[in-house]
């Protein structure tokens, strides 16, 4: 089914959106465990098949980001890889960045270089500005930036 043809019930969408806003506020406060709970509650509201909804892309990306900050790299990888299967996932520079970071942190340098280059090509060095400089340094060892 084409994701453009999907229309989520307004009540469900508004509830989902409120949960994500709460999750975003918690993320900004560095309360990643609590944020994951909010985002998971939002995820539960996404209708089946979940991977067909744009909302799934941003909810899963937020969950993956929280898991990255919590250093739960196995969960972060799983969630981010699923986000890649949702509308707009492939080609989303932030998803590629986080997945590349997770892969590098788990010792998968070649796969990490691929994902980090996709992030760099999609959004440039600015995307890396707020991140640990090790990721951009690593990418510089694999490509001419």
Protein backbone atom coordinates (compact mmCIF):
# COMPACT_ATOMS: atom_id res chain seq x y z
CA UNK A 1 0.00 0.00 0.00
CA UNK A 2 1.25 3.47 -0.86
CA UNK A 3 1.96 5.54 2.27
CA UNK A 4 0.51 8.66 0.61
CA UNK A 5 -2.91 6.98 0.51
CA UNK A 6 -2.93 6.22 4.24
CA UNK A 7 -4.94 8.53 6.47
CA UNK A 8 -4.63 8.11 10.22
CA UNK A 9 -7.64 8.77 12.43
CA UNK A 10 -7.35 12.33 13.81
CA UNK A 11 -7.91 11.24 17.41
CA UNK A 12 -5.20 8.60 17.17
CA UNK A 13 -2.83 10.98 15.39
CA UNK A 14 -3.35 13.74 17.97
CA UNK A 15 -2.76 11.34 20.87
CA UNK A 16 0.33 9.93 19.15
CA UNK A 17 1.60 13.47 18.55
CA UNK A 18 1.12 14.47 22.21
CA UNK A 19 3.09 11.41 23.33
CA UNK A 20 5.91 12.28 20.92
CA UNK A 21 5.98 15.89 22.09
CA UNK A 22 6.31 14.64 25.68
CA UNK A 23 9.07 12.27 24.53
CA UNK A 24 10.88 15.13 22.80
CA UNK A 25 10.73 17.28 25.96
CA UNK A 26 12.14 14.39 28.01
CA UNK A 27 14.90 13.87 25.42
CA UNK A 28 15.85 17.54 25.65
CA UNK A 29 16.12 17.09 29.44
CA UNK A 30 18.37 14.04 28.96
CA UNK A 31 15.71 11.73 30.43
CA UNK A 32 16.08 9.10 27.73
CA UNK A 33 14.52 6.16 29.61
CA UNK A 34 11.35 8.16 30.25
CA UNK A 35 11.37 9.41 26.66
CA UNK A 36 11.54 5.85 25.32
CA UNK A 37 8.41 5.05 27.32
CA UNK A 38 6.54 7.95 25.70
CA UNK A 39 7.75 7.04 22.21
CA UNK A 40 6.89 3.35 22.74
CA UNK A 41 3.38 4.37 23.81
CA UNK A 42 3.10 6.39 20.59
CA UNK A 43 4.43 3.43 18.58
CA UNK A 44 1.66 1.23 20.01
CA UNK A 45 -0.92 3.60 18.50
CA UNK A 46 0.42 3.33 14.95
CA UNK A 47 -1.97 1.15 12.92
CA UNK A 48 -0.85 -2.02 11.17
CA UNK A 49 1.07 -2.43 9.01
CA UNK A 50 3.27 -0.15 11.08
CA UNK A 51 6.08 0.12 8.53
CA UNK A 52 3.76 1.81 6.04
CA UNK A 53 3.29 4.98 8.09
CA UNK A 54 5.48 8.08 8.04
CA UNK A 55 4.80 8.43 11.76
CA UNK A 56 6.65 5.15 12.25
CA UNK A 57 9.76 6.65 10.71
CA UNK A 58 9.99 9.52 13.17
CA UNK A 59 8.86 7.53 16.20
CA UNK A 60 11.39 4.77 15.57
CA UNK A 61 14.12 7.32 14.87
CA UNK A 62 13.40 8.99 18.21
CA UNK A 63 13.49 5.63 20.01
CA UNK A 64 16.75 4.70 18.28
CA UNK A 65 18.25 8.07 19.22
CA UNK A 66 17.31 7.52 22.88
CA UNK A 67 18.80 4.02 22.87
CA UNK A 68 21.99 5.46 21.33
CA UNK A 69 22.25 7.98 24.17
CA UNK A 70 21.52 5.23 26.70
CA UNK A 71 24.33 3.19 25.06
CA UNK A 72 21.91 0.31 24.38
CA UNK A 73 23.50 -0.17 20.99
CA UNK A 74 21.84 -3.49 20.19
CA UNK A 75 18.36 -1.98 20.63
CA UNK A 76 19.39 1.22 18.83
CA UNK A 77 20.57 -0.76 15.82
CA UNK A 78 17.43 -2.88 15.65
CA UNK A 79 15.10 0.12 15.87
CA UNK A 80 17.07 2.26 13.41
CA UNK A 81 17.24 -0.57 10.89
CA UNK A 82 13.46 -0.92 11.13
CA UNK A 83 13.08 2.87 10.69
CA UNK A 84 15.00 2.49 7.42
CA UNK A 85 12.17 0.28 6.13
CA UNK A 86 9.55 2.96 6.80
CA UNK A 87 8.61 5.84 4.46
CA UNK A 88 11.51 8.25 4.02
CA UNK A 89 13.85 6.14 6.15
CA UNK A 90 16.43 5.41 3.49
CA UNK A 91 18.05 8.72 2.64
CA UNK A 92 17.21 10.36 5.98
CA UNK A 93 20.59 11.81 7.01
CA UNK A 94 19.89 11.63 10.75
CA UNK A 95 18.93 7.95 10.63
CA UNK A 96 22.06 7.18 8.60
CA UNK A 97 24.13 9.17 11.12
CA UNK A 98 22.79 7.36 14.18
CA UNK A 99 23.01 3.95 12.53
CA UNK A 100 26.57 4.70 11.41
CA UNK A 101 27.52 5.74 14.93
CA UNK A 102 26.02 2.56 16.38
CA UNK A 103 27.86 0.43 13.83
CA UNK A 104 31.17 2.16 14.51
CA UNK A 105 30.69 1.83 18.26
CA UNK A 106 30.08 -1.91 17.84
CA UNK A 107 33.19 -2.40 15.70
CA UNK A 108 31.58 -2.66 12.27
CA UNK A 109 33.79 -0.07 10.61
CA UNK A 110 32.97 -0.81 6.96
CA UNK A 111 29.20 -0.71 7.48
CA UNK A 112 29.65 2.37 9.67
CA UNK A 113 31.60 4.17 6.95
CA UNK A 114 28.79 3.48 4.46
CA UNK A 115 26.09 4.85 6.78
CA UNK A 116 28.14 7.85 7.91
CA UNK A 117 28.94 8.74 4.30
CA UNK A 118 25.22 8.61 3.47
CA UNK A 119 24.61 11.01 6.36
CA UNK A 120 27.43 13.29 5.23
CA UNK A 121 26.26 13.29 1.61
CA UNK A 122 22.70 14.05 2.71
CA UNK A 123 23.36 16.87 5.16
CA UNK A 124 27.05 17.74 5.16
CA UNK A 125 29.43 18.30 8.04
CA UNK A 126 26.81 20.41 9.86
CA UNK A 127 24.95 17.23 10.82
CA UNK A 128 28.05 16.07 12.70
CA UNK A 129 28.63 19.42 14.47
CA UNK A 130 26.86 18.50 17.74
CA UNK A 131 28.21 14.93 17.75
CA UNK A 132 31.38 13.48 19.21
CA UNK A 133 34.12 14.48 16.71
CA UNK A 134 35.35 10.88 16.52
CA UNK A 135 32.66 10.03 13.94
CA UNK A 136 33.61 12.72 11.44
CA UNK A 137 37.31 12.00 12.05
CA UNK A 138 36.68 8.33 11.30
CA UNK A 139 34.80 9.20 8.12
CA UNK A 140 37.75 11.38 7.10
CA UNK A 141 39.97 8.28 7.23
CA UNK A 142 37.69 6.55 4.73
CA UNK A 143 36.84 9.39 2.33
CA UNK A 144 38.07 12.76 1.14
CA UNK A 145 35.73 15.20 2.91
